[in-house]
Amino acid sequence: MNAATPNAWMPQPLRKLAGRALETALNHTLSLDPDTQQKLTALNGRSVQLHVRGPEIALAITVDDSHLKVGPPREDNQLKVAA
């Protein structure tokens, strides 16, 4: 296992569970602000890739209608953020 490889330290089932939990939390937060949720439709299909260092975690958040989807990082993300 290479510590510099994003997500390598986390077992696959745990990655999926963590992604679903984050997605649920983000969408619940959006549901509290219908105006923001409605404005997301203008960004439909766009995504951002997040790469957090220490521990190495990488993921993509994609706008799907008025909801956010969390998934594995992709090379075609419109914006990449590393911190």
N, C-alpha and C. Protein backbone atom coordinates (compact mmCIF):
# COMPACT_ATOMS: atom_id res chain seq x y z
N MET A 1 0.84 -1.18 0.00
CA MET A 1 0.00 0.00 0.00
C MET A 1 0.88 1.23 0.00
N ASN A 2 0.63 2.14 -0.91
CA ASN A 2 1.38 3.37 -1.04
C ASN A 2 0.60 4.51 -0.37
N ALA A 3 1.16 5.13 0.66
CA ALA A 3 0.47 6.16 1.42
C ALA A 3 0.19 7.40 0.57
N ALA A 4 0.95 7.61 -0.50
CA ALA A 4 0.74 8.78 -1.35
C ALA A 4 -0.41 8.59 -2.33
N THR A 5 -0.90 7.37 -2.49
CA THR A 5 -2.02 7.10 -3.39
C THR A 5 -3.32 7.41 -2.67
N PRO A 6 -4.11 8.34 -3.20
CA PRO A 6 -5.36 8.69 -2.53
C PRO A 6 -6.26 7.48 -2.33
N ASN A 7 -6.85 7.41 -1.17
CA ASN A 7 -7.85 6.40 -0.81
C ASN A 7 -7.28 4.99 -0.64
N ALA A 8 -5.99 4.77 -0.88
CA ALA A 8 -5.44 3.41 -0.81
C ALA A 8 -5.49 2.84 0.59
N TRP A 9 -5.45 3.69 1.58
CA TRP A 9 -5.44 3.24 2.97
C TRP A 9 -6.82 2.83 3.46
N MET A 10 -7.89 3.22 2.74
CA MET A 10 -9.25 2.95 3.18
C MET A 10 -9.86 1.80 2.38
N PRO A 11 -10.38 0.77 3.05
CA PRO A 11 -11.00 -0.35 2.33
C PRO A 11 -12.18 0.12 1.47
N GLN A 12 -12.37 -0.52 0.33
CA GLN A 12 -13.41 -0.15 -0.63
C GLN A 12 -14.80 -0.02 0.01
N PRO A 13 -15.25 -0.99 0.83
CA PRO A 13 -16.60 -0.84 1.42
C PRO A 13 -16.72 0.41 2.29
N LEU A 14 -15.65 0.75 2.99
CA LEU A 14 -15.67 1.94 3.84
C LEU A 14 -15.69 3.22 2.99
N ARG A 15 -15.01 3.21 1.86
CA ARG A 15 -15.04 4.36 0.95
C ARG A 15 -16.46 4.62 0.47
N LYS A 16 -17.14 3.54 0.07
CA LYS A 16 -18.51 3.69 -0.42
C LYS A 16 -19.43 4.21 0.68
N LEU A 17 -19.29 3.67 1.88
CA LEU A 17 -20.12 4.09 3.00
C LEU A 17 -19.86 5.55 3.35
N ALA A 18 -18.59 5.95 3.39
CA ALA A 18 -18.24 7.34 3.70
C ALA A 18 -18.76 8.28 2.61
N GLY A 19 -18.66 7.87 1.36
CA GLY A 19 -19.16 8.69 0.26
C GLY A 19 -20.67 8.88 0.34
N ARG A 20 -21.39 7.80 0.65
CA ARG A 20 -22.85 7.91 0.78
C ARG A 20 -23.23 8.81 1.96
N ALA A 21 -22.49 8.69 3.07
CA ALA A 21 -22.78 9.52 4.24
C ALA A 21 -22.54 11.00 3.92
N LEU A 22 -21.44 11.30 3.23
CA LEU A 22 -21.15 12.69 2.85
C LEU A 22 -22.21 13.21 1.89
N GLU A 23 -22.59 12.39 0.92
CA GLU A 23 -23.60 12.79 -0.05
C GLU A 23 -24.94 13.09 0.65
N THR A 24 -25.32 12.24 1.58
CA THR A 24 -26.57 12.44 2.33
C THR A 24 -26.51 13.73 3.14
N ALA A 25 -25.39 13.96 3.80
CA ALA A 25 -25.24 15.18 4.61
C ALA A 25 -25.28 16.43 3.75
N LEU A 26 -24.59 16.41 2.61
CA LEU A 26 -24.59 17.58 1.72
C LEU A 26 -25.98 17.87 1.18
N ASN A 27 -26.68 16.82 0.75
CA ASN A 27 -28.01 17.02 0.19
C ASN A 27 -29.03 17.41 1.25
N HIS A 28 -28.86 16.92 2.47
CA HIS A 28 -29.75 17.35 3.56
C HIS A 28 -29.54 18.84 3.84
N THR A 29 -28.28 19.26 3.86
CA THR A 29 -27.98 20.67 4.09
C THR A 29 -28.57 21.52 2.97
N LEU A 30 -28.46 21.06 1.73
CA LEU A 30 -29.06 21.80 0.61
C LEU A 30 -30.57 21.87 0.71
N SER A 31 -31.19 20.83 1.23
CA SER A 31 -32.65 20.82 1.34
C SER A 31 -33.15 21.90 2.30
N LEU A 32 -32.29 22.39 3.17
CA LEU A 32 -32.66 23.45 4.10
C LEU A 32 -32.69 24.82 3.42
N ASP A 33 -32.15 24.91 2.21
CA ASP A 33 -32.12 26.17 1.47
C ASP A 33 -32.60 25.92 0.03
N PRO A 34 -33.91 25.94 -0.18
CA PRO A 34 -34.46 25.64 -1.51
C PRO A 34 -33.94 26.55 -2.62
N ASP A 35 -33.62 27.81 -2.31
CA ASP A 35 -33.10 28.71 -3.34
C ASP A 35 -31.76 28.21 -3.89
N THR A 36 -30.87 27.82 -3.00
CA THR A 36 -29.57 27.30 -3.43
C THR A 36 -29.75 26.00 -4.19
N GLN A 37 -30.63 25.14 -3.70
CA GLN A 37 -30.88 23.86 -4.37
C GLN A 37 -31.39 24.09 -5.79
N GLN A 38 -32.27 25.07 -5.96
CA GLN A 38 -32.80 25.38 -7.29
C GLN A 38 -31.71 25.94 -8.20
N LYS A 39 -30.83 26.77 -7.65
CA LYS A 39 -29.75 27.36 -8.45
C LYS A 39 -28.73 26.31 -8.91
N LEU A 40 -28.66 25.19 -8.21
CA LEU A 40 -27.73 24.13 -8.62
C LEU A 40 -28.07 23.55 -9.99
N THR A 41 -29.33 23.62 -10.38
CA THR A 41 -29.72 23.05 -11.67
C THR A 41 -28.95 23.70 -12.82
N ALA A 42 -28.53 24.96 -12.65
CA ALA A 42 -27.73 25.63 -13.69
C ALA A 42 -26.35 25.01 -13.83
N LEU A 43 -25.91 24.28 -12.80
CA LEU A 43 -24.59 23.64 -12.82
C LEU A 43 -24.68 22.14 -13.11
N ASN A 44 -25.83 21.69 -13.58
CA ASN A 44 -26.04 20.26 -13.82
C ASN A 44 -24.93 19.65 -14.67
N GLY A 45 -24.39 18.56 -14.19
CA GLY A 45 -23.34 17.85 -14.92
C GLY A 45 -21.93 18.30 -14.60
N ARG A 46 -21.78 19.42 -13.94
CA ARG A 46 -20.44 19.91 -13.58
C ARG A 46 -19.97 19.22 -12.30
N SER A 47 -18.66 19.17 -12.15
CA SER A 47 -18.12 18.49 -10.98
C SER A 47 -16.83 19.15 -10.51
N VAL A 48 -16.49 18.85 -9.28
CA VAL A 48 -15.25 19.32 -8.69
C VAL A 48 -14.57 18.11 -8.05
N GLN A 49 -13.28 18.03 -8.22
CA GLN A 49 -12.51 16.96 -7.60
C GLN A 49 -11.78 17.53 -6.39
N LEU A 50 -11.94 16.89 -5.25
CA LEU A 50 -11.26 17.30 -4.03
C LEU A 50 -10.19 16.29 -3.68
N HIS A 51 -9.00 16.78 -3.33
CA HIS A 51 -7.90 15.91 -2.91
C HIS A 51 -7.35 16.49 -1.61
N VAL A 52 -7.60 15.78 -0.53
CA VAL A 52 -7.14 16.20 0.79
C VAL A 52 -5.90 15.40 1.14
N ARG A 53 -4.88 16.08 1.62
CA ARG A 53 -3.63 15.40 1.96
C ARG A 53 -3.55 15.20 3.47
N GLY A 54 -3.13 14.00 3.86
CA GLY A 54 -2.89 13.65 5.26
C GLY A 54 -4.14 13.48 6.08
N PRO A 55 -4.90 12.45 5.98
CA PRO A 55 -4.71 11.28 5.13
C PRO A 55 -5.11 11.58 3.68
N GLU A 56 -4.53 10.84 2.77
CA GLU A 56 -4.79 11.04 1.35
C GLU A 56 -6.21 10.58 1.01
N ILE A 57 -7.07 11.54 0.70
CA ILE A 57 -8.44 11.25 0.30
C ILE A 57 -8.74 12.06 -0.96
N ALA A 58 -9.28 11.41 -1.96
CA ALA A 58 -9.68 12.09 -3.18
C ALA A 58 -11.10 11.67 -3.53
N LEU A 59 -11.90 12.62 -3.98
CA LEU A 59 -13.29 12.33 -4.35
C LEU A 59 -13.77 13.38 -5.32
N ALA A 60 -14.88 13.07 -5.97
CA ALA A 60 -15.51 14.02 -6.89
C ALA A 60 -16.92 14.29 -6.40
N ILE A 61 -17.34 15.55 -6.50
CA ILE A 61 -18.71 15.93 -6.19
C ILE A 61 -19.30 16.50 -7.47
N THR A 62 -20.38 15.88 -7.93
CA THR A 62 -21.00 16.23 -9.21
C THR A 62 -22.42 16.72 -8.97
N VAL A 63 -22.82 17.77 -9.68
CA VAL A 63 -24.19 18.26 -9.60
C VAL A 63 -25.05 17.42 -10.53
N ASP A 64 -26.13 16.85 -9.97
CA ASP A 64 -27.08 16.03 -10.71
C ASP A 64 -28.46 16.62 -10.45
N ASP A 65 -28.95 17.43 -11.40
CA ASP A 65 -30.17 18.22 -11.22
C ASP A 65 -29.97 19.15 -10.03
N SER A 66 -30.75 19.00 -8.99
CA SER A 66 -30.61 19.88 -7.83
C SER A 66 -29.99 19.16 -6.64
N HIS A 67 -29.29 18.05 -6.92
CA HIS A 67 -28.65 17.27 -5.87
C HIS A 67 -27.15 17.12 -6.16
N LEU A 68 -26.42 16.74 -5.13
CA LEU A 68 -24.99 16.48 -5.28
C LEU A 68 -24.73 14.99 -5.18
N LYS A 69 -23.85 14.48 -6.02
CA LYS A 69 -23.43 13.08 -6.01
C LYS A 69 -21.96 13.02 -5.64
N VAL A 70 -21.62 12.15 -4.72
CA VAL A 70 -20.23 11.96 -4.30
C VAL A 70 -19.75 10.64 -4.88
N GLY A 71 -18.56 10.67 -5.49
CA GLY A 71 -18.02 9.46 -6.09
C GLY A 71 -16.50 9.53 -6.17
N PRO A 72 -15.92 8.54 -6.81
CA PRO A 72 -14.46 8.52 -6.95
C PRO A 72 -13.99 9.65 -7.87
N PRO A 73 -12.74 10.08 -7.70
CA PRO A 73 -12.22 11.15 -8.56
C PRO A 73 -12.14 10.69 -10.01
N ARG A 74 -12.35 11.65 -10.92
CA ARG A 74 -12.28 11.36 -12.35
C ARG A 74 -11.33 12.36 -12.99
N GLU A 75 -10.78 11.99 -14.11
CA GLU A 75 -9.85 12.87 -14.81
C GLU A 75 -10.55 14.03 -15.51
N ASP A 76 -11.86 13.90 -15.79
CA ASP A 76 -12.56 14.93 -16.56
C ASP A 76 -13.27 15.96 -15.69
N ASN A 77 -12.94 16.04 -14.40
CA ASN A 77 -13.55 17.05 -13.55
C ASN A 77 -13.19 18.44 -14.03
N GLN A 78 -14.17 19.37 -13.97
CA GLN A 78 -13.94 20.72 -14.43
C GLN A 78 -13.02 21.52 -13.51
N LEU A 79 -13.03 21.17 -12.22
CA LEU A 79 -12.23 21.90 -11.25
C LEU A 79 -11.59 20.91 -10.30
N LYS A 80 -10.31 21.09 -10.02
CA LYS A 80 -9.60 20.22 -9.08
C LYS A 80 -9.05 21.08 -7.96
N VAL A 81 -9.33 20.67 -6.72
CA VAL A 81 -8.89 21.41 -5.55
C VAL A 81 -8.07 20.47 -4.68
N ALA A 82 -6.89 20.89 -4.27
CA ALA A 82 -6.03 20.09 -3.39
C ALA A 82 -5.68 20.92 -2.17
N ALA A 83 -5.72 20.29 -1.03
CA ALA A 83 -5.37 20.98 0.21
C ALA A 83 -4.71 20.01 1.17
